[in-house]
Amino acid sequence: MELVYLQTFCEVARRRSITRAAEELGYAQSSVTIQIQKLEKEYGAPLLERFGRQMRLTPPGEKLYELAVQMLELYEQSKETVAGYAGGTLVIGAIDSLAAYFLPPYLQKLRQLFPELTIQLQPDRESHIISKVKDGEYDIGLLLDAKPADASLECRPLREEPLVLAAPAGHPLADRSRIELQDLSGMELIMSEESCVYRGMFEKVLREGGIAFNALFELGNPEAVKQCVVNGLGLALLPRMVVAEDMKQGRLAALPFIHPEIRFDLQYLIHPRKWMSQPLQAFIALLREGEDHK
C-alpha cells in the first residue's frame, strides 16, 4: 500500500469532497476515487459515505484517519532524521488579522531558511483553528485571545496585542484626552463577525456599562471593517497591527479609550504530542525572536 493513498484519503476526509481534494492534489477525480477504493479493499471496510453533497467518514474511516495522520507525520519525521530532509509541508492556521498583517515577514524568513518547504497559510476562525490543531490538520495555530485558547493544547503567548478604538480622521472624539465608556453611548459601531474574541469583549463591556450603541455592519474581514471606518461609517475596535499604517498616514485616528477587560495576547498553539520538525521549530524560534527584538 502506498503512502500516497493515505495522503489522498486524509485530503478527502479534511475537505469532505472528492472534487475539492482532487483540485488540491492536482489529480483527476477518477484517480482519487480509485485510490480510496484500493484503500477500502485493503482494509476490508467502507471508509467514506456520501452525506448530502458532502462525504463523511464512516466509523472505520474515522479510526483510519487518526492513524493515517500519525503515519504520515512519522514518515516525514523519518525523512528528516535519516537524510536531514527539511522539506515537506508546514500548515499554519491563523485568524485573518494575523494572516494579513503579522505573518508575511516571518514566512519570508522561513522560506529563506527552507527553500524546499511548502508553506500553507490557512486564514480561519478561532474555533476552527483550535479544532484543526487538535486533529493534526494544522501544524500550528496563531490567534488572539485573553486566555489560553484550549487547555488540551500547548498555548504559548508571544505578546500582548494592543487594541485600538479606531475612528475616521477628524472624528469629534479624536480631540479628547481621554474617552470614557459613557462617551460611546449612541455611537455607530462597525463590528467584526460574531465569533471574533475582541468583539465579544467589547460588547460585554458595553452591555454591562448600560451603553446603547448602533451596530451598523457585521463584517468577517478586518480589512473590510477598517475600510468602513476610513470612509466615515462608524467606529471599530481592531488590533493595532490592522490600523497602524492608516494611523501613520493620517487616515484613521486612535481614540484614547482603554478598558481593563478589553485586552488579549497574540499566542500560538500546538498539539502536545506534535512532532517538532526542523521547519516548525525554526518558525516558532522566528516568532519568539521577532517579539524579543521589539
C-alpha atoms as a PDB file:
ATOM      1  CA  MET A   1       0.000   0.000   0.000  1.00  0.00           C
ATOM      2  CA  GLU A   2       1.440   3.388  -0.985  1.00  0.00           C
ATOM      3  CA  LEU A   3       1.567   6.306   1.407  1.00  0.00           C
ATOM      4  CA  VAL A   4       0.112   8.483  -1.318  1.00  0.00           C
ATOM      5  CA  TYR A   5      -3.204   6.649  -0.859  1.00  0.00           C
ATOM      6  CA  LEU A   6      -3.256   7.681   2.794  1.00  0.00           C
ATOM      7  CA  GLN A   7      -2.379  11.255   1.841  1.00  0.00           C
ATOM      8  CA  THR A   8      -5.253  11.299  -0.621  1.00  0.00           C
ATOM      9  CA  PHE A   9      -7.630   9.762   1.914  1.00  0.00           C
ATOM     10  CA  CYS A  10      -6.701  12.415   4.512  1.00  0.00           C
ATOM     11  CA  GLU A  11      -7.281  15.208   1.987  1.00  0.00           C
ATOM     12  CA  VAL A  12     -10.748  13.864   1.137  1.00  0.00           C
ATOM     13  CA  ALA A  13     -11.538  13.490   4.838  1.00  0.00           C
ATOM     14  CA  ARG A  14     -10.500  17.077   5.584  1.00  0.00           C
ATOM     15  CA  ARG A  15     -12.308  18.643   2.649  1.00  0.00           C
ATOM     16  CA  ARG A  16     -15.318  16.286   2.738  1.00  0.00           C
ATOM     17  CA  SER A  17     -15.241  16.224  -1.027  1.00  0.00           C
ATOM     18  CA  ILE A  18     -13.521  14.109  -3.669  1.00  0.00           C
ATOM     19  CA  THR A  19     -13.767  17.011  -6.121  1.00  0.00           C
ATOM     20  CA  ARG A  20     -12.077  19.540  -3.807  1.00  0.00           C
ATOM     21  CA  ALA A  21      -9.449  17.005  -2.749  1.00  0.00           C
ATOM     22  CA  ALA A  22      -8.640  16.277  -6.395  1.00  0.00           C
ATOM     23  CA  GLU A  23      -8.276  20.014  -7.113  1.00  0.00           C
ATOM     24  CA  GLU A  24      -5.966  20.490  -4.132  1.00  0.00           C
ATOM     25  CA  LEU A  25      -3.811  17.489  -5.010  1.00  0.00           C
ATOM     26  CA  GLY A  26      -3.783  18.097  -8.757  1.00  0.00           C
ATOM     27  CA  TYR A  27      -5.325  14.695  -9.531  1.00  0.00           C
ATOM     28  CA  ALA A  28      -8.237  13.681 -11.709  1.00  0.00           C
ATOM     29  CA  GLN A  29     -11.366  12.870  -9.689  1.00  0.00           C
ATOM     30  CA  SER A  30     -11.276   9.333 -11.053  1.00  0.00           C
ATOM     31  CA  SER A  31      -7.739   8.881  -9.674  1.00  0.00           C
ATOM     32  CA  VAL A  32      -8.850   9.969  -6.198  1.00  0.00           C
ATOM     33  CA  THR A  33     -11.838   7.608  -6.346  1.00  0.00           C
ATOM     34  CA  ILE A  34      -9.634   4.684  -7.377  1.00  0.00           C
ATOM     35  CA  GLN A  35      -7.176   5.355  -4.546  1.00  0.00           C
ATOM     36  CA  ILE A  36      -9.991   5.410  -1.983  1.00  0.00           C
ATOM     37  CA  GLN A  37     -11.411   2.177  -3.408  1.00  0.00           C
ATOM     38  CA  LYS A  38      -7.998   0.499  -3.132  1.00  0.00           C
ATOM     39  CA  LEU A  39      -7.750   1.586   0.491  1.00  0.00           C
ATOM     40  CA  GLU A  40     -11.220   0.218   1.236  1.00  0.00           C
ATOM     41  CA  LYS A  41     -10.256  -3.073  -0.389  1.00  0.00           C
ATOM     42  CA  GLU A  42      -7.015  -3.185   1.602  1.00  0.00           C
ATOM     43  CA  TYR A  43      -8.790  -2.603   4.916  1.00  0.00           C
ATOM     44  CA  GLY A  44     -11.943  -4.529   4.063  1.00  0.00           C
ATOM     45  CA  ALA A  45     -14.260  -1.768   5.226  1.00  0.00           C
ATOM     46  CA  PRO A  46     -16.028   1.288   3.788  1.00  0.00           C
ATOM     47  CA  LEU A  47     -14.127   4.425   4.768  1.00  0.00           C
ATOM     48  CA  LEU A  48     -16.309   7.188   3.323  1.00  0.00           C
ATOM     49  CA  GLU A  49     -20.010   7.668   2.712  1.00  0.00           C
ATOM     50  CA  ARG A  50     -21.965  10.371   0.952  1.00  0.00           C
ATOM     51  CA  PHE A  51     -23.989  12.689   3.194  1.00  0.00           C
ATOM     52  CA  GLY A  52     -25.979  15.123   1.063  1.00  0.00           C
ATOM     53  CA  ARG A  53     -23.457  16.888  -1.149  1.00  0.00           C
ATOM     54  CA  GLN A  54     -20.543  16.063   1.124  1.00  0.00           C
ATOM     55  CA  MET A  55     -18.536  12.994   2.006  1.00  0.00           C
ATOM     56  CA  ARG A  56     -18.141  11.951   5.612  1.00  0.00           C
ATOM     57  CA  LEU A  57     -16.079   9.331   7.367  1.00  0.00           C
ATOM     58  CA  THR A  58     -17.586   6.040   8.436  1.00  0.00           C
ATOM     59  CA  PRO A  59     -16.581   4.765  11.912  1.00  0.00           C
ATOM     60  CA  PRO A  60     -13.746   2.679  10.382  1.00  0.00           C
ATOM     61  CA  GLY A  61     -12.784   5.736   8.323  1.00  0.00           C
ATOM     62  CA  GLU A  62     -12.571   7.915  11.450  1.00  0.00           C
ATOM     63  CA  LYS A  63     -10.214   5.429  13.062  1.00  0.00           C
ATOM     64  CA  LEU A  64      -8.049   5.170   9.956  1.00  0.00           C
ATOM     65  CA  TYR A  65      -7.892   8.953   9.670  1.00  0.00           C
ATOM     66  CA  GLU A  66      -6.484   9.231  13.219  1.00  0.00           C
ATOM     67  CA  LEU A  67      -3.854   6.593  12.428  1.00  0.00           C
ATOM     68  CA  ALA A  68      -3.075   7.933   8.944  1.00  0.00           C
ATOM     69  CA  VAL A  69      -2.238  11.397  10.322  1.00  0.00           C
ATOM     70  CA  GLN A  70       0.229   9.764  12.710  1.00  0.00           C
ATOM     71  CA  MET A  71       1.720   7.523   9.998  1.00  0.00           C
ATOM     72  CA  LEU A  72       2.260  10.397   7.576  1.00  0.00           C
ATOM     73  CA  GLU A  73       3.830  12.516  10.283  1.00  0.00           C
ATOM     74  CA  LEU A  74       6.117   9.621  11.247  1.00  0.00           C
ATOM     75  CA  TYR A  75       7.106   9.296   7.584  1.00  0.00           C
ATOM     76  CA  GLU A  76       8.102  12.973   7.451  1.00  0.00           C
ATOM     77  CA  GLN A  77       9.993  12.538  10.702  1.00  0.00           C
ATOM     78  CA  SER A  78      11.908   9.562   9.288  1.00  0.00           C
ATOM     79  CA  LYS A  79      12.974  11.547   6.212  1.00  0.00           C
ATOM     80  CA  GLU A  80      14.267  14.412   8.323  1.00  0.00           C
ATOM     81  CA  THR A  81      16.024  12.125  10.813  1.00  0.00           C
ATOM     82  CA  VAL A  82      17.658   9.805   8.291  1.00  0.00           C
ATOM     83  CA  ALA A  83      18.547  12.184   5.479  1.00  0.00           C
ATOM     84  CA  GLY A  84      18.491  15.628   7.084  1.00  0.00           C
ATOM     85  CA  TYR A  85      15.477  16.428   4.904  1.00  0.00           C
ATOM     86  CA  ALA A  86      13.764  19.702   5.791  1.00  0.00           C
ATOM     87  CA  GLY A  87      11.223  19.971   3.012  1.00  0.00           C
ATOM     88  CA  GLY A  88       7.659  18.741   3.180  1.00  0.00           C
ATOM     89  CA  THR A  89       4.732  20.969   4.124  1.00  0.00           C
ATOM     90  CA  LEU A  90       4.096  23.253   7.077  1.00  0.00           C
ATOM     91  CA  VAL A  91       0.422  24.113   7.548  1.00  0.00           C
ATOM     92  CA  ILE A  92      -0.278  27.243   9.591  1.00  0.00           C
ATOM     93  CA  GLY A  93      -3.763  28.213  10.713  1.00  0.00           C
ATOM     94  CA  ALA A  94      -4.235  31.876  11.674  1.00  0.00           C
ATOM     95  CA  ILE A  95      -7.066  34.335  12.160  1.00  0.00           C
ATOM     96  CA  ASP A  96      -7.453  36.859   9.332  1.00  0.00           C
ATOM     97  CA  SER A  97      -5.710  39.794  11.009  1.00  0.00           C
ATOM     98  CA  LEU A  98      -2.596  37.754  11.828  1.00  0.00           C
ATOM     99  CA  ALA A  99      -2.522  36.131   8.388  1.00  0.00           C
ATOM    100  CA  ALA A 100      -2.644  39.528   6.665  1.00  0.00           C
ATOM    101  CA  TYR A 101      -0.736  41.900   8.964  1.00  0.00           C
ATOM    102  CA  PHE A 102       1.597  39.848  11.155  1.00  0.00           C
ATOM    103  CA  LEU A 103       2.822  36.665   9.486  1.00  0.00           C
ATOM    104  CA  PRO A 104       4.123  37.635   5.992  1.00  0.00           C
ATOM    105  CA  PRO A 105       7.639  38.772   7.072  1.00  0.00           C
ATOM    106  CA  TYR A 106       8.071  35.632   9.178  1.00  0.00           C
ATOM    107  CA  LEU A 107       7.013  33.435   6.272  1.00  0.00           C
ATOM    108  CA  GLN A 108       9.550  35.178   4.050  1.00  0.00           C
ATOM    109  CA  LYS A 109      12.347  34.419   6.554  1.00  0.00           C
ATOM    110  CA  LEU A 110      11.182  30.816   6.875  1.00  0.00           C
ATOM    111  CA  ARG A 111      11.233  30.429   3.093  1.00  0.00           C
ATOM    112  CA  GLN A 112      14.821  31.649   3.029  1.00  0.00           C
ATOM    113  CA  LEU A 113      15.803  29.077   5.663  1.00  0.00           C
ATOM    114  CA  PHE A 114      13.984  26.169   3.972  1.00  0.00           C
ATOM    115  CA  PRO A 115      13.704  26.737   0.202  1.00  0.00           C
ATOM    116  CA  GLU A 116      12.216  23.265  -0.357  1.00  0.00           C
ATOM    117  CA  LEU A 117       9.483  23.746   2.242  1.00  0.00           C
ATOM    118  CA  THR A 118       5.879  24.155   1.099  1.00  0.00           C
ATOM    119  CA  ILE A 119       4.116  26.642   3.387  1.00  0.00           C
ATOM    120  CA  GLN A 120       0.328  26.624   3.569  1.00  0.00           C
ATOM    121  CA  LEU A 121      -1.198  29.597   5.391  1.00  0.00           C
ATOM    122  CA  GLN A 122      -4.877  28.996   6.154  1.00  0.00           C
ATOM    123  CA  PRO A 123      -6.882  32.024   7.384  1.00  0.00           C
ATOM    124  CA  ASP A 124      -9.599  30.627   9.636  1.00  0.00           C
ATOM    125  CA  ARG A 125     -11.904  31.249  12.594  1.00  0.00           C
ATOM    126  CA  GLU A 126     -10.543  30.669  16.097  1.00  0.00           C
ATOM    127  CA  SER A 127     -12.785  27.689  16.849  1.00  0.00           C
ATOM    128  CA  HIS A 128     -11.776  26.024  13.572  1.00  0.00           C
ATOM    129  CA  ILE A 129      -8.079  26.638  14.232  1.00  0.00           C
ATOM    130  CA  ILE A 130      -8.298  25.003  17.652  1.00  0.00           C
ATOM    131  CA  SER A 131     -10.165  22.007  16.229  1.00  0.00           C
ATOM    132  CA  LYS A 132      -7.758  21.538  13.312  1.00  0.00           C
ATOM    133  CA  VAL A 133      -4.666  21.773  15.516  1.00  0.00           C
ATOM    134  CA  LYS A 134      -6.211  19.064  17.691  1.00  0.00           C
ATOM    135  CA  ASP A 135      -6.922  16.894  14.632  1.00  0.00           C
ATOM    136  CA  GLY A 136      -3.435  17.372  13.196  1.00  0.00           C
ATOM    137  CA  GLU A 137      -4.686  19.203  10.105  1.00  0.00           C
ATOM    138  CA  TYR A 138      -2.761  22.331  11.149  1.00  0.00           C
ATOM    139  CA  ASP A 139       0.815  22.020  12.429  1.00  0.00           C
ATOM    140  CA  ILE A 140       0.465  25.246  14.393  1.00  0.00           C
ATOM    141  CA  GLY A 141      -2.255  27.810  15.030  1.00  0.00           C
ATOM    142  CA  LEU A 142      -2.000  31.530  15.748  1.00  0.00           C
ATOM    143  CA  LEU A 143      -4.751  33.623  17.242  1.00  0.00           C
ATOM    144  CA  LEU A 144      -5.629  36.402  19.659  1.00  0.00           C
ATOM    145  CA  ASP A 145      -7.269  35.555  22.961  1.00  0.00           C
ATOM    146  CA  ALA A 146      -7.415  36.826  26.520  1.00  0.00           C
ATOM    147  CA  LYS A 147      -6.568  33.419  27.996  1.00  0.00           C
ATOM    148  CA  PRO A 148      -5.049  30.122  26.835  1.00  0.00           C
ATOM    149  CA  ALA A 149      -7.323  29.147  23.963  1.00  0.00           C
ATOM    150  CA  ASP A 150      -7.677  25.453  24.881  1.00  0.00           C
ATOM    151  CA  ALA A 151      -6.476  23.515  27.931  1.00  0.00           C
ATOM    152  CA  SER A 152      -5.721  20.381  25.876  1.00  0.00           C
ATOM    153  CA  LEU A 153      -3.222  22.224  23.640  1.00  0.00           C
ATOM    154  CA  GLU A 154       0.069  23.938  24.348  1.00  0.00           C
ATOM    155  CA  CYS A 155      -0.842  27.624  24.142  1.00  0.00           C
ATOM    156  CA  ARG A 156       2.141  29.964  24.347  1.00  0.00           C
ATOM    157  CA  PRO A 157       1.767  33.769  24.462  1.00  0.00           C
ATOM    158  CA  LEU A 158       4.083  35.862  22.301  1.00  0.00           C
ATOM    159  CA  ARG A 159       2.995  39.327  23.401  1.00  0.00           C
ATOM    160  CA  GLU A 160       0.004  41.377  24.435  1.00  0.00           C
ATOM    161  CA  GLU A 161      -1.554  42.799  21.283  1.00  0.00           C
ATOM    162  CA  PRO A 162      -2.916  46.335  21.806  1.00  0.00           C
ATOM    163  CA  LEU A 163      -6.463  47.035  20.703  1.00  0.00           C
ATOM    164  CA  VAL A 164      -7.365  50.374  19.170  1.00  0.00           C
ATOM    165  CA  LEU A 165     -10.761  52.045  19.033  1.00  0.00           C
ATOM    166  CA  ALA A 166     -10.351  53.426  15.521  1.00  0.00           C
ATOM    167  CA  ALA A 167     -12.217  56.458  14.202  1.00  0.00           C
ATOM    168  CA  PRO A 168     -12.146  58.256  10.868  1.00  0.00           C
ATOM    169  CA  ALA A 169      -9.763  61.197  10.676  1.00  0.00           C
ATOM    170  CA  GLY A 170     -11.382  64.317  12.104  1.00  0.00           C
ATOM    171  CA  HIS A 171     -13.897  62.485  14.303  1.00  0.00           C
ATOM    172  CA  PRO A 172     -15.187  64.741  17.155  1.00  0.00           C
ATOM    173  CA  LEU A 173     -13.947  62.337  19.851  1.00  0.00           C
ATOM    174  CA  ALA A 174     -10.407  62.342  18.447  1.00  0.00           C
ATOM    175  CA  ASP A 175      -9.630  65.658  20.174  1.00  0.00           C
ATOM    176  CA  ARG A 176     -10.406  64.297  23.643  1.00  0.00           C
ATOM    177  CA  SER A 177      -7.544  63.489  26.009  1.00  0.00           C
ATOM    178  CA  ARG A 178      -9.497  60.537  27.404  1.00  0.00           C
ATOM    179  CA  ILE A 179     -12.571  58.607  26.293  1.00  0.00           C
ATOM    180  CA  GLU A 180     -14.849  57.136  28.947  1.00  0.00           C
ATOM    181  CA  LEU A 181     -17.264  54.292  28.336  1.00  0.00           C
ATOM    182  CA  GLN A 182     -20.296  56.596  28.512  1.00  0.00           C
ATOM    183  CA  ASP A 183     -18.830  58.731  25.704  1.00  0.00           C
ATOM    184  CA  LEU A 184     -19.598  55.835  23.343  1.00  0.00           C
ATOM    185  CA  SER A 185     -23.339  55.943  24.030  1.00  0.00           C
ATOM    186  CA  GLY A 186     -25.294  56.229  20.790  1.00  0.00           C
ATOM    187  CA  MET A 187     -22.213  55.827  18.635  1.00  0.00           C
ATOM    188  CA  GLU A 188     -22.336  53.917  15.352  1.00  0.00           C
ATOM    189  CA  LEU A 189     -20.021  50.900  15.514  1.00  0.00           C
ATOM    190  CA  ILE A 190     -18.653  48.607  12.843  1.00  0.00           C
ATOM    191  CA  MET A 191     -18.488  45.100  14.287  1.00  0.00           C
ATOM    192  CA  SER A 192     -16.327  42.120  13.412  1.00  0.00           C
ATOM    193  CA  GLU A 193     -18.042  38.757  12.936  1.00  0.00           C
ATOM    194  CA  GLU A 194     -19.814  37.297  15.967  1.00  0.00           C
ATOM    195  CA  SER A 195     -17.134  34.645  16.627  1.00  0.00           C
ATOM    196  CA  CYS A 196     -14.413  37.309  16.996  1.00  0.00           C
ATOM    197  CA  VAL A 197     -12.966  37.328  20.525  1.00  0.00           C
ATOM    198  CA  TYR A 198     -12.448  41.066  20.832  1.00  0.00           C
ATOM    199  CA  ARG A 199     -15.941  41.784  19.548  1.00  0.00           C
ATOM    200  CA  GLY A 200     -17.290  39.637  22.386  1.00  0.00           C
ATOM    201  CA  MET A 201     -15.140  41.523  24.903  1.00  0.00           C
ATOM    202  CA  PHE A 202     -16.283  44.900  23.584  1.00  0.00           C
ATOM    203  CA  GLU A 203     -19.993  44.033  23.538  1.00  0.00           C
ATOM    204  CA  LYS A 204     -19.800  42.596  27.071  1.00  0.00           C
ATOM    205  CA  VAL A 205     -18.243  45.796  28.412  1.00  0.00           C
ATOM    206  CA  LEU A 206     -20.802  47.959  26.598  1.00  0.00           C
ATOM    207  CA  ARG A 207     -23.738  45.886  27.840  1.00  0.00           C
ATOM    208  CA  GLU A 208     -22.530  45.770  31.443  1.00  0.00           C
ATOM    209  CA  GLY A 209     -21.989  49.528  31.312  1.00  0.00           C
ATOM    210  CA  GLY A 210     -25.530  50.078  30.018  1.00  0.00           C
ATOM    211  CA  ILE A 211     -24.218  51.733  26.872  1.00  0.00           C
ATOM    212  CA  ALA A 212     -26.637  51.878  23.937  1.00  0.00           C
ATOM    213  CA  PHE A 213     -24.943  51.678  20.539  1.00  0.00           C
ATOM    214  CA  ASN A 214     -25.796  51.148  16.894  1.00  0.00           C
ATOM    215  CA  ALA A 215     -24.078  48.173  15.240  1.00  0.00           C
ATOM    216  CA  LEU A 216     -24.326  49.147  11.581  1.00  0.00           C
ATOM    217  CA  PHE A 217     -22.382  46.303   9.980  1.00  0.00           C
ATOM    218  CA  GLU A 218     -21.096  42.870  10.880  1.00  0.00           C
ATOM    219  CA  LEU A 219     -18.064  42.028   8.752  1.00  0.00           C
ATOM    220  CA  GLY A 220     -15.837  38.957   8.808  1.00  0.00           C
ATOM    221  CA  ASN A 221     -12.712  40.558   7.398  1.00  0.00           C
ATOM    222  CA  PRO A 222     -10.700  43.102   9.458  1.00  0.00           C
ATOM    223  CA  GLU A 223      -9.648  44.940   6.291  1.00  0.00           C
ATOM    224  CA  ALA A 224     -13.318  45.446   5.387  1.00  0.00           C
ATOM    225  CA  VAL A 225     -14.048  46.723   8.901  1.00  0.00           C
ATOM    226  CA  LYS A 226     -11.117  49.141   8.675  1.00  0.00           C
ATOM    227  CA  GLN A 227     -12.162  50.491   5.274  1.00  0.00           C
ATOM    228  CA  CYS A 228     -15.655  51.184   6.599  1.00  0.00           C
ATOM    229  CA  VAL A 229     -14.106  53.268   9.380  1.00  0.00           C
ATOM    230  CA  VAL A 230     -11.815  55.102   6.929  1.00  0.00           C
ATOM    231  CA  ASN A 231     -14.897  56.017   4.916  1.00  0.00           C
ATOM    232  CA  GLY A 232     -16.666  57.506   7.933  1.00  0.00           C
ATOM    233  CA  LEU A 233     -19.253  54.798   8.573  1.00  0.00           C
ATOM    234  CA  GLY A 234     -18.513  54.409  12.292  1.00  0.00           C
ATOM    235  CA  LEU A 235     -16.021  53.383  14.951  1.00  0.00           C
ATOM    236  CA  ALA A 236     -14.410  49.957  15.286  1.00  0.00           C
ATOM    237  CA  LEU A 237     -12.305  48.102  17.820  1.00  0.00           C
ATOM    238  CA  LEU A 238      -9.367  46.489  15.988  1.00  0.00           C
ATOM    239  CA  PRO A 239      -5.887  45.121  16.750  1.00  0.00           C
ATOM    240  CA  ARG A 240      -3.282  47.859  16.416  1.00  0.00           C
ATOM    241  CA  MET A 241      -1.449  45.904  13.695  1.00  0.00           C
ATOM    242  CA  VAL A 242      -4.510  46.265  11.442  1.00  0.00           C
ATOM    243  CA  VAL A 243      -4.677  50.059  11.647  1.00  0.00           C
ATOM    244  CA  ALA A 244      -1.052  51.060  12.331  1.00  0.00           C
ATOM    245  CA  GLU A 245      -0.239  52.127   8.775  1.00  0.00           C
ATOM    246  CA  ASP A 246      -3.506  54.047   8.343  1.00  0.00           C
ATOM    247  CA  MET A 247      -2.878  55.892  11.618  1.00  0.00           C
ATOM    248  CA  LYS A 248       0.606  56.783  10.408  1.00  0.00           C
ATOM    249  CA  GLN A 249      -0.809  58.096   7.116  1.00  0.00           C
ATOM    250  CA  GLY A 250      -3.499  60.123   8.904  1.00  0.00           C
ATOM    251  CA  ARG A 251      -6.444  58.175   7.501  1.00  0.00           C
ATOM    252  CA  LEU A 252      -7.507  56.935  10.936  1.00  0.00           C
ATOM    253  CA  ALA A 253      -7.344  58.213  14.496  1.00  0.00           C
ATOM    254  CA  ALA A 254      -6.910  56.073  17.609  1.00  0.00           C
ATOM    255  CA  LEU A 255      -9.350  57.247  20.268  1.00  0.00           C
ATOM    256  CA  PRO A 256      -7.855  57.392  23.807  1.00  0.00           C
ATOM    257  CA  PHE A 257     -10.092  54.623  25.143  1.00  0.00           C
ATOM    258  CA  ILE A 258      -8.703  51.957  27.496  1.00  0.00           C
ATOM    259  CA  HIS A 259     -10.614  49.370  29.494  1.00  0.00           C
ATOM    260  CA  PRO A 260      -9.034  46.675  31.717  1.00  0.00           C
ATOM    261  CA  GLU A 261     -11.392  43.987  30.436  1.00  0.00           C
ATOM    262  CA  ILE A 262     -10.528  44.591  26.783  1.00  0.00           C
ATOM    263  CA  ARG A 263      -7.107  43.021  26.259  1.00  0.00           C
ATOM    264  CA  PHE A 264      -5.670  39.858  24.769  1.00  0.00           C
ATOM    265  CA  ASP A 265      -2.481  38.059  23.810  1.00  0.00           C
ATOM    266  CA  LEU A 266      -1.072  37.025  20.478  1.00  0.00           C
ATOM    267  CA  GLN A 267      -0.471  33.313  21.044  1.00  0.00           C
ATOM    268  CA  TYR A 268       0.453  30.187  19.164  1.00  0.00           C
ATOM    269  CA  LEU A 269      -0.864  26.707  19.852  1.00  0.00           C
ATOM    270  CA  ILE A 270       0.413  23.251  19.023  1.00  0.00           C
ATOM    271  CA  HIS A 271      -0.662  19.735  19.917  1.00  0.00           C
ATOM    272  CA  PRO A 272       1.286  18.454  22.957  1.00  0.00           C
ATOM    273  CA  ARG A 273       2.230  15.288  21.018  1.00  0.00           C
ATOM    274  CA  LYS A 274       3.119  17.144  17.841  1.00  0.00           C
ATOM    275  CA  TRP A 275       6.385  16.113  16.227  1.00  0.00           C
ATOM    276  CA  MET A 276       8.548  19.229  16.123  1.00  0.00           C
ATOM    277  CA  SER A 277      10.079  19.211  12.654  1.00  0.00           C
ATOM    278  CA  GLN A 278      13.026  21.463  11.833  1.00  0.00           C
ATOM    279  CA  PRO A 279      10.837  23.971   9.945  1.00  0.00           C
ATOM    280  CA  LEU A 280       8.264  24.078  12.769  1.00  0.00           C
ATOM    281  CA  GLN A 281      10.965  24.635  15.380  1.00  0.00           C
ATOM    282  CA  ALA A 282      12.536  27.343  13.217  1.00  0.00           C
ATOM    283  CA  PHE A 283       9.177  29.060  12.685  1.00  0.00           C
ATOM    284  CA  ILE A 284       8.489  29.209  16.426  1.00  0.00           C
ATOM    285  CA  ALA A 285      12.027  30.491  17.032  1.00  0.00           C
ATOM    286  CA  LEU A 286      11.464  33.250  14.448  1.00  0.00           C
ATOM    287  CA  LEU A 287       8.221  34.284  16.145  1.00  0.00           C
ATOM    288  CA  ARG A 288       9.863  34.438  19.551  1.00  0.00           C
ATOM    289  CA  GLU A 289      12.960  36.211  18.248  1.00  0.00           C
ATOM    290  CA  GLY A 290      10.848  38.795  16.471  1.00  0.00           C
ATOM    291  CA  GLU A 291       8.951  39.629  19.647  1.00  0.00           C
ATOM    292  CA  ASP A 292      12.129  39.722  21.777  1.00  0.00           C
ATOM    293  CA  HIS A 293      13.565  42.398  19.461  1.00  0.00           C
ATOM    294  CA  LYS A 294      10.553  44.676  19.776  1.00  0.00           C
END
